[in-house]
Amino acid sequence: MYKIRPLTRYEYVWIDSQALHALFSQLTESTLLTDKQFLQWFKEMHENPCFTLFGIMTSPKKYPKLIGVGTLWTQPKYYRNKGKSGHIEDIIIDKSHQKKGLGKQLVKYIIDYAKNNGCYKVQLHCSEEMKPFYEALDLQNISRSMTRYF
């Protein structure tokens, strides 16, 4: 049994840097933060009203196990009746739980959350090989992304 929901600021009790590092390492180069760095990051993220971290957890025994994450960044706009643009990032499902439809469920959950919280659109950037996955969720490839890494 899996549960998808926004993570609260109190979940540092059972989520630690090692758990997030293990997930993010499956997506990109990740740095294992110290406990102090992790708590600071977790606090900063939850104090930012434009950031929501979502988790997929297995059913808990004592504490649930985090097996997937995704983020939604919202950008307030002047136009569109002060609506928000949503940016979905960091969709990760642990390799041992892939091919169960959890990624689709997570993205749909985040899209619904964005819509219900004032976003007039959501967008994301993905690799070429992931385009069919997101197109199956009714996301359209409408522009090019320009990036500069530092």
N, C-alpha and C. Protein backbone atom coordinates (compact mmCIF):
# COMPACT_ATOMS: atom_id res chain seq x y z
N MET A 1 0.84 -1.18 0.00
CA MET A 1 0.00 0.00 0.00
C MET A 1 0.89 1.24 0.00
N TYR A 2 0.57 2.19 -0.87
CA TYR A 2 1.34 3.43 -1.00
C TYR A 2 0.46 4.63 -0.68
N LYS A 3 1.10 5.68 -0.19
CA LYS A 3 0.40 6.93 0.10
C LYS A 3 1.19 8.06 -0.53
N ILE A 4 0.51 8.94 -1.26
CA ILE A 4 1.13 10.12 -1.86
C ILE A 4 0.54 11.34 -1.18
N ARG A 5 1.43 12.26 -0.77
CA ARG A 5 0.96 13.49 -0.13
C ARG A 5 2.10 14.48 0.00
N PRO A 6 1.74 15.76 0.23
CA PRO A 6 2.79 16.74 0.53
C PRO A 6 3.44 16.36 1.86
N LEU A 7 4.75 16.55 1.93
CA LEU A 7 5.46 16.26 3.17
C LEU A 7 5.42 17.51 4.05
N THR A 8 5.25 17.30 5.34
CA THR A 8 5.17 18.42 6.27
C THR A 8 6.54 18.74 6.83
N ARG A 9 6.62 19.85 7.50
CA ARG A 9 7.89 20.29 8.08
C ARG A 9 8.34 19.42 9.24
N TYR A 10 7.46 18.58 9.75
CA TYR A 10 7.81 17.73 10.89
C TYR A 10 8.33 16.35 10.49
N GLU A 11 8.40 16.07 9.22
CA GLU A 11 8.75 14.73 8.78
C GLU A 11 10.24 14.44 8.79
N TYR A 12 11.03 15.43 9.17
CA TYR A 12 12.46 15.18 9.35
C TYR A 12 12.69 14.13 10.44
N VAL A 13 11.66 13.85 11.23
CA VAL A 13 11.76 12.83 12.28
C VAL A 13 12.04 11.46 11.67
N TRP A 14 11.43 11.17 10.53
CA TRP A 14 11.65 9.85 9.92
C TRP A 14 12.31 9.91 8.55
N ILE A 15 12.36 11.08 7.94
CA ILE A 15 13.09 11.23 6.68
C ILE A 15 14.46 11.80 7.03
N ASP A 16 15.49 11.22 6.49
CA ASP A 16 16.82 11.73 6.77
C ASP A 16 17.57 11.99 5.47
N SER A 17 18.73 12.56 5.59
CA SER A 17 19.53 12.90 4.43
C SER A 17 19.86 11.66 3.60
N GLN A 18 20.14 10.56 4.27
CA GLN A 18 20.49 9.31 3.56
C GLN A 18 19.35 8.85 2.65
N ALA A 19 18.10 8.95 3.15
CA ALA A 19 16.94 8.52 2.36
C ALA A 19 16.78 9.39 1.11
N LEU A 20 16.88 10.70 1.27
CA LEU A 20 16.75 11.58 0.11
C LEU A 20 17.93 11.43 -0.84
N HIS A 21 19.12 11.30 -0.30
CA HIS A 21 20.30 11.11 -1.14
C HIS A 21 20.17 9.83 -1.98
N ALA A 22 19.67 8.77 -1.37
CA ALA A 22 19.49 7.51 -2.10
C ALA A 22 18.54 7.69 -3.27
N LEU A 23 17.48 8.47 -3.08
CA LEU A 23 16.54 8.72 -4.18
C LEU A 23 17.14 9.66 -5.22
N PHE A 24 17.66 10.81 -4.79
CA PHE A 24 18.19 11.79 -5.74
C PHE A 24 19.36 11.23 -6.54
N SER A 25 20.12 10.32 -5.97
CA SER A 25 21.24 9.71 -6.69
C SER A 25 20.77 8.87 -7.87
N GLN A 26 19.50 8.46 -7.84
CA GLN A 26 18.95 7.70 -8.96
C GLN A 26 18.53 8.61 -10.11
N LEU A 27 18.49 9.92 -9.84
CA LEU A 27 18.10 10.89 -10.86
C LEU A 27 19.28 11.68 -11.39
N THR A 28 20.17 12.08 -10.49
CA THR A 28 21.25 12.99 -10.85
C THR A 28 22.40 12.86 -9.86
N GLU A 29 23.43 13.62 -10.09
CA GLU A 29 24.53 13.67 -9.14
C GLU A 29 24.01 14.31 -7.85
N SER A 30 24.23 13.66 -6.73
CA SER A 30 23.70 14.13 -5.46
C SER A 30 24.79 14.15 -4.40
N THR A 31 24.72 15.12 -3.52
CA THR A 31 25.66 15.23 -2.41
C THR A 31 24.96 14.80 -1.14
N LEU A 32 25.57 13.90 -0.40
CA LEU A 32 25.02 13.49 0.88
C LEU A 32 25.28 14.61 1.89
N LEU A 33 24.21 15.22 2.38
CA LEU A 33 24.34 16.30 3.35
C LEU A 33 24.53 15.74 4.74
N THR A 34 25.22 16.49 5.58
CA THR A 34 25.32 16.11 6.98
C THR A 34 23.93 16.28 7.61
N ASP A 35 23.73 15.72 8.78
CA ASP A 35 22.44 15.87 9.46
C ASP A 35 22.09 17.34 9.66
N LYS A 36 23.08 18.14 10.05
CA LYS A 36 22.84 19.57 10.27
C LYS A 36 22.46 20.26 8.96
N GLN A 37 23.18 19.97 7.88
CA GLN A 37 22.87 20.57 6.58
C GLN A 37 21.49 20.15 6.10
N PHE A 38 21.16 18.87 6.30
CA PHE A 38 19.85 18.36 5.89
C PHE A 38 18.74 19.07 6.64
N LEU A 39 18.86 19.20 7.95
CA LEU A 39 17.82 19.87 8.73
C LEU A 39 17.66 21.33 8.31
N GLN A 40 18.75 22.00 8.00
CA GLN A 40 18.69 23.38 7.53
C GLN A 40 17.97 23.44 6.18
N TRP A 41 18.33 22.55 5.25
CA TRP A 41 17.68 22.50 3.94
C TRP A 41 16.19 22.21 4.09
N PHE A 42 15.86 21.23 4.89
CA PHE A 42 14.46 20.83 5.09
C PHE A 42 13.66 22.00 5.65
N LYS A 43 14.23 22.72 6.61
CA LYS A 43 13.56 23.87 7.20
C LYS A 43 13.37 24.97 6.16
N GLU A 44 14.42 25.27 5.40
CA GLU A 44 14.33 26.32 4.38
C GLU A 44 13.28 26.00 3.34
N MET A 45 13.20 24.75 2.91
CA MET A 45 12.23 24.36 1.90
C MET A 45 10.80 24.54 2.41
N HIS A 46 10.57 24.16 3.64
CA HIS A 46 9.22 24.25 4.18
C HIS A 46 8.82 25.67 4.59
N GLU A 47 9.78 26.54 4.73
CA GLU A 47 9.46 27.95 5.02
C GLU A 47 9.19 28.73 3.74
N ASN A 48 9.51 28.16 2.60
CA ASN A 48 9.31 28.83 1.32
C ASN A 48 7.88 28.55 0.83
N PRO A 49 7.03 29.56 0.77
CA PRO A 49 5.64 29.32 0.38
C PRO A 49 5.48 28.91 -1.09
N CYS A 50 6.53 29.03 -1.87
CA CYS A 50 6.46 28.66 -3.29
C CYS A 50 6.95 27.24 -3.55
N PHE A 51 7.26 26.48 -2.51
CA PHE A 51 7.83 25.15 -2.66
C PHE A 51 6.99 24.12 -1.93
N THR A 52 6.70 23.01 -2.60
CA THR A 52 6.03 21.89 -1.96
C THR A 52 6.78 20.62 -2.35
N LEU A 53 7.15 19.84 -1.35
CA LEU A 53 7.82 18.56 -1.55
C LEU A 53 6.79 17.47 -1.31
N PHE A 54 6.64 16.59 -2.28
CA PHE A 54 5.69 15.49 -2.19
C PHE A 54 6.44 14.19 -1.98
N GLY A 55 5.82 13.28 -1.29
CA GLY A 55 6.44 11.98 -1.07
C GLY A 55 5.48 10.85 -1.37
N ILE A 56 6.06 9.73 -1.76
CA ILE A 56 5.32 8.47 -1.83
C ILE A 56 5.93 7.59 -0.76
N MET A 57 5.07 7.13 0.12
CA MET A 57 5.53 6.31 1.24
C MET A 57 4.87 4.94 1.18
N THR A 58 5.58 3.96 1.70
CA THR A 58 4.98 2.65 1.90
C THR A 58 4.20 2.72 3.20
N SER A 59 3.32 1.77 3.39
CA SER A 59 2.54 1.73 4.64
C SER A 59 3.48 1.62 5.82
N PRO A 60 3.20 2.40 6.85
CA PRO A 60 4.12 2.41 7.99
C PRO A 60 3.98 1.21 8.91
N LYS A 61 5.10 0.84 9.48
CA LYS A 61 5.10 -0.04 10.64
C LYS A 61 5.25 0.93 11.79
N LYS A 62 6.47 1.38 12.04
CA LYS A 62 6.64 2.48 13.00
C LYS A 62 6.68 3.79 12.21
N TYR A 63 7.58 3.86 11.25
CA TYR A 63 7.65 5.01 10.36
C TYR A 63 7.53 4.50 8.93
N PRO A 64 6.90 5.30 8.05
CA PRO A 64 6.83 4.90 6.65
C PRO A 64 8.22 4.94 6.01
N LYS A 65 8.32 4.32 4.85
CA LYS A 65 9.56 4.38 4.08
C LYS A 65 9.30 5.23 2.85
N LEU A 66 10.17 6.22 2.63
CA LEU A 66 10.06 7.11 1.48
C LEU A 66 10.60 6.38 0.26
N ILE A 67 9.73 6.18 -0.76
CA ILE A 67 10.17 5.46 -1.96
C ILE A 67 10.03 6.30 -3.23
N GLY A 68 9.57 7.55 -3.07
CA GLY A 68 9.46 8.43 -4.22
C GLY A 68 9.26 9.87 -3.78
N VAL A 69 9.69 10.80 -4.62
CA VAL A 69 9.52 12.22 -4.34
C VAL A 69 9.24 12.99 -5.62
N GLY A 70 8.71 14.17 -5.44
CA GLY A 70 8.51 15.12 -6.52
C GLY A 70 8.37 16.50 -5.90
N THR A 71 8.65 17.54 -6.67
CA THR A 71 8.52 18.89 -6.15
C THR A 71 7.66 19.74 -7.06
N LEU A 72 7.03 20.73 -6.46
CA LEU A 72 6.29 21.74 -7.20
C LEU A 72 6.75 23.10 -6.71
N TRP A 73 7.26 23.88 -7.66
CA TRP A 73 7.61 25.27 -7.40
C TRP A 73 6.52 26.11 -8.04
N THR A 74 5.98 27.06 -7.31
CA THR A 74 4.98 27.94 -7.90
C THR A 74 5.55 29.34 -8.02
N GLN A 75 5.21 29.97 -9.12
CA GLN A 75 5.71 31.31 -9.42
C GLN A 75 4.52 32.24 -9.59
N PRO A 76 4.29 33.13 -8.61
CA PRO A 76 3.17 34.07 -8.74
C PRO A 76 3.38 34.99 -9.94
N LYS A 77 2.32 35.23 -10.68
CA LYS A 77 2.38 36.08 -11.86
C LYS A 77 1.54 37.33 -11.66
N TYR A 78 1.93 38.40 -12.30
CA TYR A 78 1.13 39.62 -12.29
C TYR A 78 -0.13 39.42 -13.13
N TYR A 79 0.05 38.81 -14.27
CA TYR A 79 -1.05 38.60 -15.18
C TYR A 79 -1.85 37.35 -14.78
N ARG A 80 -2.82 37.00 -15.58
CA ARG A 80 -3.68 35.85 -15.33
C ARG A 80 -4.37 35.95 -13.97
N ASN A 81 -4.84 37.17 -13.66
CA ASN A 81 -5.54 37.40 -12.40
C ASN A 81 -4.70 36.99 -11.20
N LYS A 82 -3.41 37.29 -11.28
CA LYS A 82 -2.44 36.96 -10.24
C LYS A 82 -2.36 35.44 -10.02
N GLY A 83 -2.55 34.69 -11.09
CA GLY A 83 -2.40 33.25 -11.00
C GLY A 83 -0.95 32.85 -10.83
N LYS A 84 -0.72 31.56 -10.78
CA LYS A 84 0.63 31.05 -10.59
C LYS A 84 0.98 30.08 -11.71
N SER A 85 2.25 30.08 -12.04
CA SER A 85 2.80 29.08 -12.95
C SER A 85 3.46 28.01 -12.08
N GLY A 86 3.15 26.76 -12.34
CA GLY A 86 3.73 25.68 -11.56
C GLY A 86 4.86 25.00 -12.32
N HIS A 87 5.91 24.67 -11.61
CA HIS A 87 7.06 23.99 -12.20
C HIS A 87 7.28 22.68 -11.44
N ILE A 88 7.09 21.57 -12.13
CA ILE A 88 7.27 20.25 -11.53
C ILE A 88 8.71 19.82 -11.76
N GLU A 89 9.34 19.36 -10.69
CA GLU A 89 10.73 18.92 -10.79
C GLU A 89 10.97 17.68 -9.94
N ASP A 90 12.09 17.05 -10.19
CA ASP A 90 12.62 15.97 -9.34
C ASP A 90 11.64 14.83 -9.10
N ILE A 91 11.04 14.33 -10.17
CA ILE A 91 10.16 13.17 -10.05
C ILE A 91 11.05 11.93 -9.99
N ILE A 92 11.02 11.26 -8.86
CA ILE A 92 11.88 10.09 -8.67
C ILE A 92 11.08 8.99 -7.97
N ILE A 93 11.14 7.80 -8.52
CA ILE A 93 10.59 6.60 -7.88
C ILE A 93 11.76 5.65 -7.71
N ASP A 94 11.93 5.14 -6.50
CA ASP A 94 13.01 4.20 -6.23
C ASP A 94 12.95 3.04 -7.24
N LYS A 95 14.10 2.65 -7.74
CA LYS A 95 14.17 1.61 -8.77
C LYS A 95 13.44 0.33 -8.37
N SER A 96 13.44 0.00 -7.09
CA SER A 96 12.78 -1.23 -6.63
C SER A 96 11.26 -1.11 -6.65
N HIS A 97 10.73 0.09 -6.90
CA HIS A 97 9.28 0.30 -6.92
C HIS A 97 8.78 0.82 -8.27
N GLN A 98 9.66 0.86 -9.27
CA GLN A 98 9.25 1.33 -10.60
C GLN A 98 8.41 0.27 -11.30
N LYS A 99 7.75 0.69 -12.37
CA LYS A 99 6.90 -0.16 -13.21
C LYS A 99 5.62 -0.59 -12.47
N LYS A 100 5.19 0.23 -11.50
CA LYS A 100 3.95 -0.03 -10.77
C LYS A 100 2.95 1.11 -10.96
N GLY A 101 3.27 2.06 -11.83
CA GLY A 101 2.38 3.19 -12.08
C GLY A 101 2.51 4.31 -11.05
N LEU A 102 3.49 4.22 -10.17
CA LEU A 102 3.64 5.22 -9.11
C LEU A 102 4.08 6.58 -9.64
N GLY A 103 4.93 6.58 -10.64
CA GLY A 103 5.36 7.86 -11.23
C GLY A 103 4.17 8.61 -11.83
N LYS A 104 3.31 7.89 -12.54
CA LYS A 104 2.11 8.51 -13.11
C LYS A 104 1.20 9.03 -12.01
N GLN A 105 1.02 8.24 -10.97
CA GLN A 105 0.17 8.68 -9.86
C GLN A 105 0.73 9.93 -9.20
N LEU A 106 2.05 9.98 -9.02
CA LEU A 106 2.68 11.13 -8.40
C LEU A 106 2.51 12.39 -9.25
N VAL A 107 2.77 12.28 -10.54
CA VAL A 107 2.65 13.44 -11.42
C VAL A 107 1.20 13.91 -11.46
N LYS A 108 0.25 13.00 -11.58
CA LYS A 108 -1.17 13.39 -11.58
C LYS A 108 -1.55 14.08 -10.27
N TYR A 109 -1.05 13.57 -9.16
CA TYR A 109 -1.32 14.16 -7.86
C TYR A 109 -0.79 15.60 -7.80
N ILE A 110 0.44 15.79 -8.27
CA ILE A 110 1.04 17.13 -8.25
C ILE A 110 0.28 18.08 -9.18
N ILE A 111 -0.12 17.60 -10.35
CA ILE A 111 -0.90 18.44 -11.27
C ILE A 111 -2.22 18.85 -10.63
N ASP A 112 -2.93 17.92 -10.01
CA ASP A 112 -4.19 18.26 -9.33
C ASP A 112 -3.96 19.24 -8.18
N TYR A 113 -2.89 19.03 -7.44
CA TYR A 113 -2.55 19.92 -6.34
C TYR A 113 -2.30 21.33 -6.86
N ALA A 114 -1.54 21.43 -7.95
CA ALA A 114 -1.24 22.73 -8.55
C ALA A 114 -2.52 23.43 -9.00
N LYS A 115 -3.37 22.70 -9.68
CA LYS A 115 -4.63 23.27 -10.17
C LYS A 115 -5.50 23.76 -9.01
N ASN A 116 -5.56 22.97 -7.94
CA ASN A 116 -6.38 23.33 -6.79
C ASN A 116 -5.76 24.42 -5.93
N ASN A 117 -4.52 24.80 -6.21
CA ASN A 117 -3.84 25.84 -5.45
C ASN A 117 -3.48 27.05 -6.30
N GLY A 118 -4.28 27.31 -7.32
CA GLY A 118 -4.18 28.57 -8.06
C GLY A 118 -3.25 28.60 -9.25
N CYS A 119 -2.73 27.45 -9.68
CA CYS A 119 -1.87 27.45 -10.87
C CYS A 119 -2.73 27.40 -12.12
N TYR A 120 -2.41 28.23 -13.10
CA TYR A 120 -3.11 28.20 -14.38
C TYR A 120 -2.40 27.28 -15.38
N LYS A 121 -1.17 26.86 -15.05
CA LYS A 121 -0.45 25.90 -15.88
C LYS A 121 0.62 25.23 -15.03
N VAL A 122 1.06 24.08 -15.49
CA VAL A 122 2.24 23.43 -14.93
C VAL A 122 3.15 23.09 -16.09
N GLN A 123 4.42 23.10 -15.82
CA GLN A 123 5.40 22.72 -16.84
C GLN A 123 6.52 21.95 -16.17
N LEU A 124 7.23 21.21 -16.98
CA LEU A 124 8.41 20.50 -16.49
C LEU A 124 9.37 20.31 -17.63
N HIS A 125 10.58 20.03 -17.28
CA HIS A 125 11.62 19.73 -18.25
C HIS A 125 12.00 18.28 -18.04
N CYS A 126 12.22 17.58 -19.13
CA CYS A 126 12.59 16.17 -19.01
C CYS A 126 13.57 15.80 -20.12
N SER A 127 14.19 14.67 -19.92
CA SER A 127 15.10 14.15 -20.94
C SER A 127 14.27 13.63 -22.12
N GLU A 128 14.92 13.50 -23.25
CA GLU A 128 14.25 13.02 -24.46
C GLU A 128 13.60 11.65 -24.24
N GLU A 129 14.27 10.77 -23.51
CA GLU A 129 13.72 9.42 -23.31
C GLU A 129 12.49 9.42 -22.41
N MET A 130 12.29 10.48 -21.60
CA MET A 130 11.12 10.54 -20.71
C MET A 130 9.92 11.23 -21.35
N LYS A 131 10.09 11.81 -22.54
CA LYS A 131 8.97 12.51 -23.20
C LYS A 131 7.73 11.64 -23.36
N PRO A 132 7.84 10.38 -23.81
CA PRO A 132 6.62 9.57 -23.95
C PRO A 132 5.89 9.35 -22.61
N PHE A 133 6.63 9.23 -21.53
CA PHE A 133 6.02 9.06 -20.21
C PHE A 133 5.14 10.26 -19.87
N TYR A 134 5.67 11.47 -20.07
CA TYR A 134 4.92 12.68 -19.72
C TYR A 134 3.84 12.99 -20.74
N GLU A 135 4.07 12.66 -22.02
CA GLU A 135 3.03 12.87 -23.02
C GLU A 135 1.82 12.00 -22.74
N ALA A 136 2.03 10.81 -22.17
CA ALA A 136 0.92 9.93 -21.80
C ALA A 136 0.09 10.53 -20.66
N LEU A 137 0.63 11.54 -19.99
CA LEU A 137 -0.10 12.22 -18.91
C LEU A 137 -0.68 13.56 -19.40
N ASP A 138 -0.81 13.69 -20.72
CA ASP A 138 -1.39 14.87 -21.37
C ASP A 138 -0.53 16.13 -21.24
N LEU A 139 0.75 15.98 -21.01
CA LEU A 139 1.66 17.12 -21.07
C LEU A 139 2.16 17.22 -22.50
N GLN A 140 2.27 18.45 -22.99
CA GLN A 140 2.66 18.67 -24.38
C GLN A 140 4.03 19.32 -24.45
N ASN A 141 4.78 18.91 -25.45
CA ASN A 141 6.08 19.52 -25.71
C ASN A 141 5.83 20.75 -26.55
N ILE A 142 5.93 21.95 -25.92
CA ILE A 142 5.58 23.17 -26.65
C ILE A 142 6.74 24.15 -26.82
N SER A 143 7.86 23.91 -26.16
CA SER A 143 8.95 24.86 -26.31
C SER A 143 10.29 24.20 -26.03
N ARG A 144 11.31 24.95 -26.29
CA ARG A 144 12.66 24.50 -25.98
C ARG A 144 13.08 25.09 -24.65
N SER A 145 13.91 24.37 -23.97
CA SER A 145 14.44 24.83 -22.68
C SER A 145 15.90 25.21 -22.87
N MET A 146 16.25 26.34 -22.35
CA MET A 146 17.63 26.80 -22.41
C MET A 146 18.17 26.77 -20.99
N THR A 147 19.35 26.22 -20.81
CA THR A 147 19.92 26.05 -19.47
C THR A 147 21.38 26.43 -19.47
N ARG A 148 21.82 26.94 -18.35
CA ARG A 148 23.23 27.20 -18.13
C ARG A 148 23.56 26.70 -16.72
N TYR A 149 24.43 25.72 -16.65
CA TYR A 149 24.87 25.19 -15.35
C TYR A 149 26.12 25.93 -14.89
N PHE A 150 26.26 26.10 -13.61
CA PHE A 150 27.43 26.76 -13.05
C PHE A 150 28.22 25.80 -12.20
